Amino acid sequence: TNHHYYSVYMPVVTIETWKGKSVEQKAKLMEGIKKAFVDIGVNPAGLTIIIHDIPRYNWAKGGEQVSSEE
């Protein structure tokens, strides 16, 4: 059933951050997120974490582009 699918592949955590974080920083972030979910009883085998690296020139705050440099 679909219930089994969701119990195995949920939750999904999506993080959008500025490009430039190191692989080590991302690994530390993912480990912290996993720990937080384990602490509330979530089986880590079902946890999916997705990190989107967004260049600052593709990001605007207050309607203003954060950076125009590539």
PDB file of N, CA and C in Angstrom:
ATOM      1  N   THR A   1       0.837  -1.199   0.000  1.00  0.00           N
ATOM      2  CA  THR A   1       0.000   0.000   0.000  1.00  0.00           C
ATOM      3  C   THR A   1       0.875   1.253   0.000  1.00  0.00           C
ATOM      4  N   ASN A   2       0.256   2.384  -0.270  1.00  0.00           N
ATOM      5  CA  ASN A   2       0.988   3.647  -0.239  1.00  0.00           C
ATOM      6  C   ASN A   2       1.481   3.991   1.152  1.00  0.00           C
ATOM      7  N   HIS A   3       0.786   3.530   2.187  1.00  0.00           N
ATOM      8  CA  HIS A   3       1.209   3.818   3.554  1.00  0.00           C
ATOM      9  C   HIS A   3       2.626   3.297   3.786  1.00  0.00           C
ATOM     10  N   HIS A   4       2.927   2.109   3.283  1.00  0.00           N
ATOM     11  CA  HIS A   4       4.268   1.547   3.445  1.00  0.00           C
ATOM     12  C   HIS A   4       5.306   2.437   2.754  1.00  0.00           C
ATOM     13  N   TYR A   5       4.999   2.932   1.570  1.00  0.00           N
ATOM     14  CA  TYR A   5       5.923   3.807   0.847  1.00  0.00           C
ATOM     15  C   TYR A   5       6.266   5.032   1.687  1.00  0.00           C
ATOM     16  N   TYR A   6       5.261   5.685   2.240  1.00  0.00           N
ATOM     17  CA  TYR A   6       5.502   6.899   3.008  1.00  0.00           C
ATOM     18  C   TYR A   6       6.211   6.619   4.319  1.00  0.00           C
ATOM     19  N   SER A   7       5.947   5.497   4.947  1.00  0.00           N
ATOM     20  CA  SER A   7       6.615   5.207   6.212  1.00  0.00           C
ATOM     21  C   SER A   7       8.093   4.909   5.999  1.00  0.00           C
ATOM     22  N   VAL A   8       8.470   4.472   4.811  1.00  0.00           N
ATOM     23  CA  VAL A   8       9.863   4.160   4.522  1.00  0.00           C
ATOM     24  C   VAL A   8      10.619   5.394   4.022  1.00  0.00           C
ATOM     25  N   TYR A   9       9.958   6.275   3.276  1.00  0.00           N
ATOM     26  CA  TYR A   9      10.648   7.369   2.608  1.00  0.00           C
ATOM     27  C   TYR A   9      10.278   8.757   3.129  1.00  0.00           C
ATOM     28  N   MET A  10       9.807   8.869   4.320  1.00  0.00           N
ATOM     29  CA  MET A  10       9.454  10.164   4.885  1.00  0.00           C
ATOM     30  C   MET A  10      10.116  10.288   6.237  1.00  0.00           C
ATOM     31  N   PRO A  11      10.475  11.411   6.710  1.00  0.00           N
ATOM     32  CA  PRO A  11      10.259  12.738   6.140  1.00  0.00           C
ATOM     33  C   PRO A  11      11.348  13.125   5.138  1.00  0.00           C
ATOM     34  N   VAL A  12      11.047  14.198   4.400  1.00  0.00           N
ATOM     35  CA  VAL A  12      12.010  14.786   3.473  1.00  0.00           C
ATOM     36  C   VAL A  12      12.307  16.203   3.962  1.00  0.00           C
ATOM     37  N   VAL A  13      13.580  16.507   4.170  1.00  0.00           N
ATOM     38  CA  VAL A  13      14.008  17.838   4.595  1.00  0.00           C
ATOM     39  C   VAL A  13      14.738  18.477   3.420  1.00  0.00           C
ATOM     40  N   THR A  14      14.287  19.656   3.008  1.00  0.00           N
ATOM     41  CA  THR A  14      14.928  20.381   1.914  1.00  0.00           C
ATOM     42  C   THR A  14      15.529  21.664   2.469  1.00  0.00           C
ATOM     43  N   ILE A  15      16.798  21.884   2.173  1.00  0.00           N
ATOM     44  CA  ILE A  15      17.511  23.066   2.646  1.00  0.00           C
ATOM     45  C   ILE A  15      17.956  23.862   1.430  1.00  0.00           C
ATOM     46  N   GLU A  16      17.640  25.140   1.418  1.00  0.00           N
ATOM     47  CA  GLU A  16      18.116  26.032   0.370  1.00  0.00           C
ATOM     48  C   GLU A  16      19.102  26.986   1.018  1.00  0.00           C
ATOM     49  N   THR A  17      20.319  27.005   0.511  1.00  0.00           N
ATOM     50  CA  THR A  17      21.368  27.819   1.100  1.00  0.00           C
ATOM     51  C   THR A  17      22.253  28.391   0.012  1.00  0.00           C
ATOM     52  N   TRP A  18      22.978  29.435   0.360  1.00  0.00           N
ATOM     53  CA  TRP A  18      23.904  30.009  -0.600  1.00  0.00           C
ATOM     54  C   TRP A  18      25.008  29.023  -0.926  1.00  0.00           C
ATOM     55  N   LYS A  19      25.388  28.998  -2.179  1.00  0.00           N
ATOM     56  CA  LYS A  19      26.477  28.149  -2.645  1.00  0.00           C
ATOM     57  C   LYS A  19      27.762  28.547  -1.917  1.00  0.00           C
ATOM     58  N   GLY A  20      28.592  27.553  -1.632  1.00  0.00           N
ATOM     59  CA  GLY A  20      29.881  27.860  -1.018  1.00  0.00           C
ATOM     60  C   GLY A  20      30.186  27.051   0.233  1.00  0.00           C
ATOM     61  N   LYS A  21      29.198  26.330   0.759  1.00  0.00           N
ATOM     62  CA  LYS A  21      29.455  25.484   1.924  1.00  0.00           C
ATOM     63  C   LYS A  21      30.313  24.298   1.489  1.00  0.00           C
ATOM     64  N   SER A  22      31.249  23.904   2.345  1.00  0.00           N
ATOM     65  CA  SER A  22      32.111  22.770   2.023  1.00  0.00           C
ATOM     66  C   SER A  22      31.353  21.458   2.209  1.00  0.00           C
ATOM     67  N   VAL A  23      31.910  20.403   1.645  1.00  0.00           N
ATOM     68  CA  VAL A  23      31.331  19.068   1.814  1.00  0.00           C
ATOM     69  C   VAL A  23      31.276  18.723   3.298  1.00  0.00           C
ATOM     70  N   GLU A  24      32.314  19.088   4.039  1.00  0.00           N
ATOM     71  CA  GLU A  24      32.351  18.806   5.476  1.00  0.00           C
ATOM     72  C   GLU A  24      31.254  19.566   6.223  1.00  0.00           C
ATOM     73  N   GLN A  25      31.030  20.827   5.871  1.00  0.00           N
ATOM     74  CA  GLN A  25      29.970  21.611   6.509  1.00  0.00           C
ATOM     75  C   GLN A  25      28.601  20.995   6.234  1.00  0.00           C
ATOM     76  N   LYS A  26      28.395  20.564   4.994  1.00  0.00           N
ATOM     77  CA  LYS A  26      27.114  19.948   4.647  1.00  0.00           C
ATOM     78  C   LYS A  26      26.926  18.632   5.386  1.00  0.00           C
ATOM     79  N   ALA A  27      27.980  17.848   5.506  1.00  0.00           N
ATOM     80  CA  ALA A  27      27.890  16.579   6.235  1.00  0.00           C
ATOM     81  C   ALA A  27      27.539  16.826   7.699  1.00  0.00           C
ATOM     82  N   LYS A  28      28.141  17.843   8.301  1.00  0.00           N
ATOM     83  CA  LYS A  28      27.846  18.184   9.699  1.00  0.00           C
ATOM     84  C   LYS A  28      26.390  18.626   9.848  1.00  0.00           C
ATOM     85  N   LEU A  29      25.912  19.425   8.913  1.00  0.00           N
ATOM     86  CA  LEU A  29      24.522  19.870   8.927  1.00  0.00           C
ATOM     87  C   LEU A  29      23.570  18.683   8.824  1.00  0.00           C
ATOM     88  N   MET A  30      23.852  17.775   7.877  1.00  0.00           N
ATOM     89  CA  MET A  30      22.991  16.602   7.697  1.00  0.00           C
ATOM     90  C   MET A  30      23.006  15.707   8.931  1.00  0.00           C
ATOM     91  N   GLU A  31      24.158  15.568   9.563  1.00  0.00           N
ATOM     92  CA  GLU A  31      24.248  14.752  10.778  1.00  0.00           C
ATOM     93  C   GLU A  31      23.408  15.367  11.898  1.00  0.00           C
ATOM     94  N   GLY A  32      23.450  16.694  12.028  1.00  0.00           N
ATOM     95  CA  GLY A  32      22.647  17.371  13.043  1.00  0.00           C
ATOM     96  C   GLY A  32      21.153  17.214  12.802  1.00  0.00           C
ATOM     97  N   ILE A  33      20.749  17.303  11.549  1.00  0.00           N
ATOM     98  CA  ILE A  33      19.336  17.113  11.207  1.00  0.00           C
ATOM     99  C   ILE A  33      18.913  15.684  11.512  1.00  0.00           C
ATOM    100  N   LYS A  34      19.759  14.727  11.132  1.00  0.00           N
ATOM    101  CA  LYS A  34      19.445  13.322  11.422  1.00  0.00           C
ATOM    102  C   LYS A  34      19.284  13.113  12.919  1.00  0.00           C
ATOM    103  N   LYS A  35      20.200  13.662  13.713  1.00  0.00           N
ATOM    104  CA  LYS A  35      20.125  13.504  15.170  1.00  0.00           C
ATOM    105  C   LYS A  35      18.823  14.076  15.718  1.00  0.00           C
ATOM    106  N   ALA A  36      18.421  15.242  15.224  1.00  0.00           N
ATOM    107  CA  ALA A  36      17.181  15.861  15.694  1.00  0.00           C
ATOM    108  C   ALA A  36      15.981  14.962  15.420  1.00  0.00           C
ATOM    109  N   PHE A  37      15.934  14.339  14.257  1.00  0.00           N
ATOM    110  CA  PHE A  37      14.819  13.449  13.935  1.00  0.00           C
ATOM    111  C   PHE A  37      14.878  12.158  14.737  1.00  0.00           C
ATOM    112  N   VAL A  38      16.072  11.616  14.927  1.00  0.00           N
ATOM    113  CA  VAL A  38      16.214  10.405  15.748  1.00  0.00           C
ATOM    114  C   VAL A  38      15.753  10.698  17.173  1.00  0.00           C
ATOM    115  N   ASP A  39      16.083  11.888  17.693  1.00  0.00           N
ATOM    116  CA  ASP A  39      15.682  12.273  19.051  1.00  0.00           C
ATOM    117  C   ASP A  39      14.172  12.293  19.238  1.00  0.00           C
ATOM    118  N   ILE A  40      13.415  12.489  18.155  1.00  0.00           N
ATOM    119  CA  ILE A  40      11.951  12.482  18.276  1.00  0.00           C
ATOM    120  C   ILE A  40      11.347  11.171  17.784  1.00  0.00           C
ATOM    121  N   GLY A  41      12.206  10.160  17.589  1.00  0.00           N
ATOM    122  CA  GLY A  41      11.705   8.825  17.293  1.00  0.00           C
ATOM    123  C   GLY A  41      11.586   8.452  15.833  1.00  0.00           C
ATOM    124  N   VAL A  42      12.170   9.238  14.936  1.00  0.00           N
ATOM    125  CA  VAL A  42      12.107   8.922  13.509  1.00  0.00           C
ATOM    126  C   VAL A  42      13.244   7.963  13.161  1.00  0.00           C
ATOM    127  N   ASN A  43      12.917   6.918  12.420  1.00  0.00           N
ATOM    128  CA  ASN A  43      13.925   5.978  11.946  1.00  0.00           C
ATOM    129  C   ASN A  43      14.763   6.676  10.873  1.00  0.00           C
ATOM    130  N   PRO A  44      16.080   6.800  11.066  1.00  0.00           N
ATOM    131  CA  PRO A  44      16.890   7.528  10.096  1.00  0.00           C
ATOM    132  C   PRO A  44      16.923   6.885   8.714  1.00  0.00           C
ATOM    133  N   ALA A  45      16.581   5.620   8.617  1.00  0.00           N
ATOM    134  CA  ALA A  45      16.563   4.955   7.311  1.00  0.00           C
ATOM    135  C   ALA A  45      15.524   5.578   6.384  1.00  0.00           C
ATOM    136  N   GLY A  46      14.493   6.204   6.941  1.00  0.00           N
ATOM    137  CA  GLY A  46      13.451   6.815   6.124  1.00  0.00           C
ATOM    138  C   GLY A  46      13.650   8.293   5.873  1.00  0.00           C
ATOM    139  N   LEU A  47      14.704   8.874   6.458  1.00  0.00           N
ATOM    140  CA  LEU A  47      14.937  10.309   6.346  1.00  0.00           C
ATOM    141  C   LEU A  47      15.687  10.641   5.059  1.00  0.00           C
ATOM    142  N   THR A  48      15.171  11.601   4.314  1.00  0.00           N
ATOM    143  CA  THR A  48      15.848  12.107   3.121  1.00  0.00           C
ATOM    144  C   THR A  48      16.167  13.577   3.352  1.00  0.00           C
ATOM    145  N   ILE A  49      17.409  13.961   3.076  1.00  0.00           N
ATOM    146  CA  ILE A  49      17.836  15.354   3.215  1.00  0.00           C
ATOM    147  C   ILE A  49      18.377  15.808   1.867  1.00  0.00           C
ATOM    148  N   ILE A  50      17.866  16.929   1.384  1.00  0.00           N
ATOM    149  CA  ILE A  50      18.285  17.478   0.093  1.00  0.00           C
ATOM    150  C   ILE A  50      18.793  18.894   0.329  1.00  0.00           C
ATOM    151  N   ILE A  51      20.001  19.183  -0.148  1.00  0.00           N
ATOM    152  CA  ILE A  51      20.559  20.527  -0.029  1.00  0.00           C
ATOM    153  C   ILE A  51      20.656  21.133  -1.425  1.00  0.00           C
ATOM    154  N   HIS A  52      20.025  22.285  -1.586  1.00  0.00           N
ATOM    155  CA  HIS A  52      20.109  23.032  -2.843  1.00  0.00           C
ATOM    156  C   HIS A  52      21.104  24.175  -2.638  1.00  0.00           C
ATOM    157  N   ASP A  53      22.191  24.163  -3.393  1.00  0.00           N
ATOM    158  CA  ASP A  53      23.162  25.254  -3.372  1.00  0.00           C
ATOM    159  C   ASP A  53      22.726  26.301  -4.385  1.00  0.00           C
ATOM    160  N   ILE A  54      22.457  27.497  -3.901  1.00  0.00           N
ATOM    161  CA  ILE A  54      21.963  28.549  -4.781  1.00  0.00           C
ATOM    162  C   ILE A  54      23.009  29.657  -4.855  1.00  0.00           C
ATOM    163  N   PRO A  55      23.470  29.992  -6.054  1.00  0.00           N
ATOM    164  CA  PRO A  55      24.409  31.107  -6.182  1.00  0.00           C
ATOM    165  C   PRO A  55      23.754  32.404  -5.686  1.00  0.00           C
ATOM    166  N   ARG A  56      24.547  33.251  -5.059  1.00  0.00           N
ATOM    167  CA  ARG A  56      24.002  34.506  -4.507  1.00  0.00           C
ATOM    168  C   ARG A  56      23.353  35.378  -5.580  1.00  0.00           C
ATOM    169  N   TYR A  57      23.830  35.284  -6.829  1.00  0.00           N
ATOM    170  CA  TYR A  57      23.224  36.096  -7.892  1.00  0.00           C
ATOM    171  C   TYR A  57      21.839  35.594  -8.276  1.00  0.00           C
ATOM    172  N   ASN A  58      21.465  34.411  -7.818  1.00  0.00           N
ATOM    173  CA  ASN A  58      20.113  33.883  -8.044  1.00  0.00           C
ATOM    174  C   ASN A  58      19.230  34.061  -6.811  1.00  0.00           C
ATOM    175  N   TRP A  59      19.637  34.908  -5.889  1.00  0.00           N
ATOM    176  CA  TRP A  59      18.934  35.087  -4.629  1.00  0.00           C
ATOM    177  C   TRP A  59      18.668  36.572  -4.437  1.00  0.00           C
ATOM    178  N   ALA A  60      17.450  36.917  -4.055  1.00  0.00           N
ATOM    179  CA  ALA A  60      17.123  38.309  -3.751  1.00  0.00           C
ATOM    180  C   ALA A  60      16.518  38.379  -2.359  1.00  0.00           C
ATOM    181  N   LYS A  61      16.854  39.413  -1.635  1.00  0.00           N
ATOM    182  CA  LYS A  61      16.280  39.662  -0.312  1.00  0.00           C
ATOM    183  C   LYS A  61      15.686  41.061  -0.353  1.00  0.00           C
ATOM    184  N   GLY A  62      14.437  41.176   0.047  1.00  0.00           N
ATOM    185  CA  GLY A  62      13.767  42.466  -0.030  1.00  0.00           C
ATOM    186  C   GLY A  62      13.619  42.952  -1.462  1.00  0.00           C
ATOM    187  N   GLY A  63      13.597  42.010  -2.396  1.00  0.00           N
ATOM    188  CA  GLY A  63      13.452  42.363  -3.801  1.00  0.00           C
ATOM    189  C   GLY A  63      14.746  42.799  -4.469  1.00  0.00           C
ATOM    190  N   GLU A  64      15.855  42.782  -3.716  1.00  0.00           N
ATOM    191  CA  GLU A  64      17.143  43.200  -4.258  1.00  0.00           C
ATOM    192  C   GLU A  64      18.065  41.997  -4.396  1.00  0.00           C
ATOM    193  N   GLN A  65      18.707  41.893  -5.557  1.00  0.00           N
ATOM    194  CA  GLN A  65      19.651  40.807  -5.799  1.00  0.00           C
ATOM    195  C   GLN A  65      20.788  40.896  -4.780  1.00  0.00           C
ATOM    196  N   VAL A  66      21.112  39.767  -4.149  1.00  0.00           N
ATOM    197  CA  VAL A  66      22.138  39.741  -3.109  1.00  0.00           C
ATOM    198  C   VAL A  66      23.518  40.036  -3.695  1.00  0.00           C
ATOM    199  N   SER A  67      23.810  39.483  -4.856  1.00  0.00           N
ATOM    200  CA  SER A  67      25.099  39.712  -5.504  1.00  0.00           C
ATOM    201  C   SER A  67      24.920  39.625  -7.012  1.00  0.00           C
ATOM    202  N   SER A  68      25.691  40.417  -7.732  1.00  0.00           N
ATOM    203  CA  SER A  68      25.631  40.335  -9.191  1.00  0.00           C
ATOM    204  C   SER A  68      26.827  39.567  -9.746  1.00  0.00           C
ATOM    205  N   GLU A  69      27.708  39.097  -8.868  1.00  0.00           N
ATOM    206  CA  GLU A  69      28.898  38.362  -9.304  1.00  0.00           C
ATOM    207  C   GLU A  69      28.601  36.881  -9.417  1.00  0.00           C
ATOM    208  N   GLU A  70      29.161  36.259 -10.457  1.00  0.00           N
ATOM    209  CA  GLU A  70      28.985  34.817 -10.642  1.00  0.00           C
ATOM    210  C   GLU A  70      30.003  34.057  -9.839  1.00  0.00           C
TER     211      GLU A  70
END
